[in-house]
């Protein structure tokens, strides 16, 4: 089943905490963010396999807030598996630093 274009809830967990955002995935492009970070990148699917590469960049300084990734500007790669309900579980890391490792769950919330 191909990944439907749409708006996805992005819930991720790292050793330093849990954070949430949204991402719009459409035709290989990924755009999204949360109250302090922007996500911009690309994705592809091959059967049930999902992969993406995105830059995570601070767009707004939030006093006292620290990114759950531990960095405010970093390139991340995601790899995971789609299920039948527009939901996927992924693992993320960064080619720039071994300090960035996380798991995430993406769930479609709108088309």
N, C-alpha and C. Protein backbone atom coordinates (compact mmCIF):
# COMPACT_ATOMS: atom_id res chain seq x y z
N UNK A 1 0.85 -1.19 0.00
CA UNK A 1 0.00 0.00 0.00
C UNK A 1 0.89 1.24 0.00
N UNK A 2 0.74 2.14 -0.97
CA UNK A 2 1.56 3.34 -1.00
C UNK A 2 1.19 4.29 0.14
N UNK A 3 2.14 5.10 0.53
CA UNK A 3 1.92 6.08 1.59
C UNK A 3 1.05 7.21 1.05
N UNK A 4 -0.10 7.46 1.68
CA UNK A 4 -0.96 8.55 1.20
C UNK A 4 -0.34 9.92 1.51
N UNK A 5 -0.50 10.85 0.57
CA UNK A 5 -0.12 12.23 0.84
C UNK A 5 -0.98 12.73 1.99
N UNK A 6 -0.41 13.58 2.85
CA UNK A 6 -1.23 14.14 3.92
C UNK A 6 -0.41 14.70 5.06
N UNK A 7 -1.14 15.14 6.06
CA UNK A 7 -0.57 15.71 7.28
C UNK A 7 -0.42 14.60 8.32
N UNK A 8 0.77 14.49 8.88
CA UNK A 8 1.09 13.43 9.84
C UNK A 8 1.51 14.01 11.18
N UNK A 9 1.05 13.37 12.23
CA UNK A 9 1.52 13.68 13.59
C UNK A 9 2.85 12.96 13.75
N UNK A 10 3.82 13.64 14.33
CA UNK A 10 5.17 13.12 14.47
C UNK A 10 5.50 13.10 15.97
N UNK A 11 5.52 11.92 16.58
CA UNK A 11 5.83 11.79 18.01
C UNK A 11 7.16 11.06 18.12
N UNK A 12 8.18 11.71 18.67
CA UNK A 12 9.47 11.04 18.76
C UNK A 12 10.05 11.04 20.16
N UNK A 13 10.82 9.99 20.44
CA UNK A 13 11.45 9.82 21.75
C UNK A 13 12.96 9.71 21.58
N UNK A 14 13.67 10.43 22.43
CA UNK A 14 15.12 10.41 22.46
C UNK A 14 15.56 10.11 23.89
N UNK A 15 16.84 9.88 24.09
CA UNK A 15 17.31 9.70 25.47
C UNK A 15 17.08 10.94 26.34
N UNK A 16 16.93 12.13 25.72
CA UNK A 16 16.74 13.36 26.50
C UNK A 16 15.28 13.77 26.65
N UNK A 17 14.36 13.06 25.98
CA UNK A 17 12.96 13.42 26.15
C UNK A 17 12.09 13.03 24.98
N UNK A 18 10.85 13.46 25.07
CA UNK A 18 9.84 13.20 24.06
C UNK A 18 9.40 14.53 23.48
N UNK A 19 9.13 14.55 22.17
CA UNK A 19 8.67 15.78 21.53
C UNK A 19 7.67 15.42 20.45
N UNK A 20 6.94 16.42 19.99
CA UNK A 20 5.88 16.22 19.02
C UNK A 20 5.92 17.32 17.98
N UNK A 21 5.50 16.99 16.77
CA UNK A 21 5.39 17.96 15.71
C UNK A 21 4.43 17.43 14.66
N UNK A 22 4.37 18.13 13.53
CA UNK A 22 3.59 17.68 12.40
C UNK A 22 4.45 17.76 11.15
N UNK A 23 4.11 16.93 10.18
CA UNK A 23 4.82 16.96 8.90
C UNK A 23 3.82 16.68 7.80
N UNK A 24 3.91 17.46 6.73
CA UNK A 24 3.10 17.21 5.55
C UNK A 24 3.97 16.45 4.56
N UNK A 25 3.54 15.25 4.20
CA UNK A 25 4.24 14.41 3.26
C UNK A 25 3.43 14.34 1.98
N UNK A 26 4.05 14.75 0.88
CA UNK A 26 3.34 14.74 -0.40
C UNK A 26 4.35 14.58 -1.54
N UNK A 27 4.15 13.53 -2.31
CA UNK A 27 4.92 13.31 -3.53
C UNK A 27 6.43 13.41 -3.32
N UNK A 28 6.91 12.82 -2.23
CA UNK A 28 8.35 12.79 -1.97
C UNK A 28 8.90 13.98 -1.20
N UNK A 29 8.07 14.96 -0.90
CA UNK A 29 8.52 16.13 -0.15
C UNK A 29 7.98 16.07 1.27
N UNK A 30 8.80 16.45 2.23
CA UNK A 30 8.43 16.46 3.65
C UNK A 30 8.63 17.88 4.16
N UNK A 31 7.57 18.46 4.73
CA UNK A 31 7.63 19.81 5.30
C UNK A 31 6.88 19.79 6.61
N UNK A 32 7.44 20.40 7.66
CA UNK A 32 6.73 20.41 8.93
C UNK A 32 7.49 21.13 10.01
N UNK A 33 7.14 20.81 11.26
CA UNK A 33 7.83 21.42 12.37
C UNK A 33 7.01 21.38 13.65
N UNK A 34 7.50 22.15 14.61
CA UNK A 34 6.82 22.31 15.89
C UNK A 34 6.99 23.77 16.30
N UNK A 35 6.78 24.10 17.55
CA UNK A 35 6.79 25.51 17.96
C UNK A 35 8.16 26.18 17.84
N UNK A 36 9.22 25.40 17.74
CA UNK A 36 10.54 26.01 17.64
C UNK A 36 11.41 25.50 16.51
N UNK A 37 11.03 24.37 15.89
CA UNK A 37 11.87 23.74 14.89
C UNK A 37 11.10 23.56 13.58
N UNK A 38 11.82 23.66 12.46
CA UNK A 38 11.25 23.40 11.14
C UNK A 38 11.89 22.14 10.58
N UNK A 39 11.08 21.31 9.89
CA UNK A 39 11.56 20.09 9.25
C UNK A 39 11.38 20.26 7.75
N UNK A 40 12.46 20.09 7.00
CA UNK A 40 12.40 20.21 5.54
C UNK A 40 13.22 19.08 4.95
N UNK A 41 12.59 18.29 4.07
CA UNK A 41 13.35 17.20 3.48
C UNK A 41 12.58 16.46 2.41
N UNK A 42 13.05 15.25 2.16
CA UNK A 42 12.46 14.39 1.15
C UNK A 42 12.26 13.00 1.75
N UNK A 43 11.37 12.23 1.12
CA UNK A 43 11.15 10.86 1.56
C UNK A 43 10.87 9.98 0.35
N UNK A 44 10.99 8.68 0.55
CA UNK A 44 10.60 7.72 -0.48
C UNK A 44 10.09 6.46 0.19
N UNK A 45 9.29 5.74 -0.55
CA UNK A 45 8.80 4.45 -0.09
C UNK A 45 9.12 3.42 -1.16
N UNK A 46 9.42 2.23 -0.70
CA UNK A 46 9.61 1.07 -1.58
C UNK A 46 8.86 -0.07 -0.93
N UNK A 47 7.66 -0.36 -1.46
CA UNK A 47 6.80 -1.33 -0.80
C UNK A 47 6.40 -0.79 0.56
N UNK A 48 6.67 -1.55 1.61
CA UNK A 48 6.34 -1.12 2.97
C UNK A 48 7.48 -0.34 3.64
N UNK A 49 8.62 -0.21 2.96
CA UNK A 49 9.78 0.47 3.55
C UNK A 49 9.70 1.97 3.31
N UNK A 50 10.02 2.74 4.34
CA UNK A 50 10.00 4.20 4.30
C UNK A 50 11.38 4.71 4.66
N UNK A 51 11.86 5.71 3.92
CA UNK A 51 13.11 6.38 4.28
C UNK A 51 12.95 7.87 3.99
N UNK A 52 13.64 8.68 4.79
CA UNK A 52 13.57 10.13 4.61
C UNK A 52 14.87 10.75 5.09
N UNK A 53 15.14 11.92 4.54
CA UNK A 53 16.26 12.73 5.00
C UNK A 53 15.71 14.14 5.15
N UNK A 54 15.95 14.74 6.32
CA UNK A 54 15.42 16.08 6.55
C UNK A 54 16.37 16.90 7.41
N UNK A 55 16.36 18.19 7.14
CA UNK A 55 17.09 19.10 8.02
C UNK A 55 16.12 19.56 9.09
N UNK A 56 16.60 19.60 10.32
CA UNK A 56 15.83 20.08 11.45
C UNK A 56 16.53 21.36 11.90
N UNK A 57 15.82 22.49 11.76
CA UNK A 57 16.43 23.80 11.97
C UNK A 57 15.58 24.63 12.92
N UNK A 58 16.24 25.28 13.86
CA UNK A 58 15.52 26.15 14.79
C UNK A 58 15.01 27.37 14.03
N UNK A 59 13.71 27.65 14.12
CA UNK A 59 13.14 28.83 13.47
C UNK A 59 12.74 29.88 14.50
N UNK A 60 12.70 29.49 15.77
CA UNK A 60 12.29 30.43 16.81
C UNK A 60 12.95 30.01 18.11
N UNK A 61 13.58 30.96 18.77
CA UNK A 61 14.17 30.68 20.08
C UNK A 61 13.07 30.67 21.12
N UNK A 62 12.99 29.58 21.85
CA UNK A 62 12.01 29.46 22.93
C UNK A 62 12.82 29.43 24.23
N UNK A 63 12.74 30.48 25.04
CA UNK A 63 13.55 30.54 26.26
C UNK A 63 13.34 29.30 27.14
N UNK A 64 14.44 28.70 27.53
CA UNK A 64 14.39 27.54 28.41
C UNK A 64 14.14 26.22 27.71
N UNK A 65 13.76 26.27 26.43
CA UNK A 65 13.46 25.03 25.70
C UNK A 65 14.71 24.52 25.00
N UNK A 66 14.90 23.23 25.05
CA UNK A 66 16.01 22.57 24.37
C UNK A 66 15.42 21.51 23.46
N UNK A 67 15.90 21.45 22.24
CA UNK A 67 15.42 20.43 21.31
C UNK A 67 15.62 19.05 21.90
N UNK A 68 14.63 18.18 21.75
CA UNK A 68 14.77 16.80 22.24
C UNK A 68 15.89 16.07 21.52
N UNK A 69 16.29 16.57 20.34
CA UNK A 69 17.42 15.97 19.62
C UNK A 69 18.76 16.40 20.21
N UNK A 70 18.75 17.44 21.04
CA UNK A 70 19.98 17.92 21.64
C UNK A 70 20.72 18.95 20.80
N UNK A 71 20.30 19.14 19.57
CA UNK A 71 20.91 20.11 18.66
C UNK A 71 19.81 20.93 18.00
N UNK A 72 20.13 22.16 17.64
CA UNK A 72 19.12 23.02 17.03
C UNK A 72 19.19 23.05 15.51
N UNK A 73 20.27 22.57 14.92
CA UNK A 73 20.40 22.53 13.47
C UNK A 73 21.14 21.25 13.11
N UNK A 74 20.40 20.29 12.54
CA UNK A 74 21.01 18.99 12.28
C UNK A 74 20.29 18.28 11.13
N UNK A 75 21.03 17.51 10.38
CA UNK A 75 20.48 16.67 9.33
C UNK A 75 20.16 15.32 9.95
N UNK A 76 18.94 14.80 9.72
CA UNK A 76 18.58 13.49 10.24
C UNK A 76 18.09 12.59 9.11
N UNK A 77 18.29 11.31 9.31
CA UNK A 77 17.81 10.28 8.38
C UNK A 77 16.86 9.38 9.13
N UNK A 78 15.77 9.00 8.46
CA UNK A 78 14.74 8.14 9.05
C UNK A 78 14.60 6.88 8.21
N UNK A 79 14.37 5.76 8.89
CA UNK A 79 14.13 4.49 8.20
C UNK A 79 13.06 3.74 8.99
N UNK A 80 12.07 3.21 8.29
CA UNK A 80 11.02 2.49 8.99
C UNK A 80 10.14 1.68 8.07
N UNK A 81 9.03 1.23 8.65
CA UNK A 81 8.10 0.35 7.95
C UNK A 81 6.69 0.91 8.07
N UNK A 82 5.95 0.92 6.96
CA UNK A 82 4.56 1.36 6.93
C UNK A 82 3.66 0.22 7.37
N UNK A 83 2.56 0.57 8.04
CA UNK A 83 1.56 -0.46 8.29
C UNK A 83 0.35 -0.17 7.41
N UNK A 84 -0.77 -0.80 7.64
CA UNK A 84 -1.93 -0.67 6.76
C UNK A 84 -2.77 0.58 7.02
N UNK A 85 -2.47 1.34 8.05
CA UNK A 85 -3.35 2.45 8.43
C UNK A 85 -2.68 3.81 8.36
N UNK A 86 -1.79 4.03 7.42
CA UNK A 86 -1.09 5.31 7.28
C UNK A 86 -0.35 5.67 8.56
N UNK A 87 0.23 4.66 9.20
CA UNK A 87 1.03 4.83 10.41
C UNK A 87 2.37 4.18 10.15
N UNK A 88 3.43 4.76 10.67
CA UNK A 88 4.73 4.13 10.53
C UNK A 88 5.56 4.33 11.78
N UNK A 89 6.39 3.36 12.05
CA UNK A 89 7.38 3.46 13.12
C UNK A 89 8.73 3.58 12.46
N UNK A 90 9.53 4.55 12.90
CA UNK A 90 10.83 4.80 12.27
C UNK A 90 11.92 4.94 13.34
N UNK A 91 13.13 4.76 12.89
CA UNK A 91 14.32 5.05 13.69
C UNK A 91 15.05 6.18 12.98
N UNK A 92 15.60 7.08 13.78
CA UNK A 92 16.30 8.22 13.21
C UNK A 92 17.69 8.36 13.77
N UNK A 93 18.57 8.89 12.93
CA UNK A 93 19.95 9.18 13.34
C UNK A 93 20.46 10.31 12.46
N UNK A 94 21.67 10.76 12.76
CA UNK A 94 22.28 11.82 11.98
C UNK A 94 23.64 11.39 11.46
N UNK A 95 23.92 11.64 10.19
CA UNK A 95 25.26 11.36 9.68
C UNK A 95 26.29 12.36 10.22
N UNK A 96 25.81 13.44 10.85
CA UNK A 96 26.70 14.49 11.37
C UNK A 96 27.22 14.20 12.77
N UNK A 97 26.45 13.44 13.56
CA UNK A 97 26.85 13.17 14.94
C UNK A 97 26.17 11.91 15.45
N UNK A 98 26.90 11.13 16.20
CA UNK A 98 26.32 9.92 16.79
C UNK A 98 25.43 10.24 17.99
N UNK A 99 25.42 11.50 18.42
CA UNK A 99 24.61 11.91 19.57
C UNK A 99 23.11 11.93 19.25
N UNK A 100 22.75 11.97 17.97
CA UNK A 100 21.35 12.03 17.60
C UNK A 100 20.87 10.63 17.24
N UNK A 101 20.01 10.09 18.11
CA UNK A 101 19.37 8.79 17.88
C UNK A 101 17.97 8.89 18.48
N UNK A 102 16.96 8.46 17.73
CA UNK A 102 15.60 8.52 18.24
C UNK A 102 14.71 7.51 17.54
N UNK A 103 13.57 7.28 18.14
CA UNK A 103 12.51 6.51 17.50
C UNK A 103 11.32 7.45 17.35
N UNK A 104 10.50 7.18 16.36
CA UNK A 104 9.34 8.05 16.14
C UNK A 104 8.19 7.24 15.57
N UNK A 105 7.03 7.78 15.76
CA UNK A 105 5.80 7.20 15.19
C UNK A 105 5.10 8.31 14.44
N UNK A 106 4.82 8.06 13.18
CA UNK A 106 4.08 9.00 12.36
C UNK A 106 2.71 8.43 12.09
N UNK A 107 1.68 9.25 12.30
CA UNK A 107 0.29 8.83 12.10
C UNK A 107 -0.43 9.88 11.27
N UNK A 108 -1.08 9.49 10.21
CA UNK A 108 -1.79 10.44 9.37
C UNK A 108 -2.98 11.02 10.13
N UNK A 109 -3.10 12.35 10.11
CA UNK A 109 -4.22 13.00 10.79
C UNK A 109 -5.14 13.75 9.82
N UNK A 110 -4.69 13.96 8.58
CA UNK A 110 -5.53 14.60 7.56
C UNK A 110 -4.92 14.35 6.19
N UNK A 111 -5.78 14.42 5.17
CA UNK A 111 -5.24 14.24 3.82
C UNK A 111 -4.90 15.55 3.20
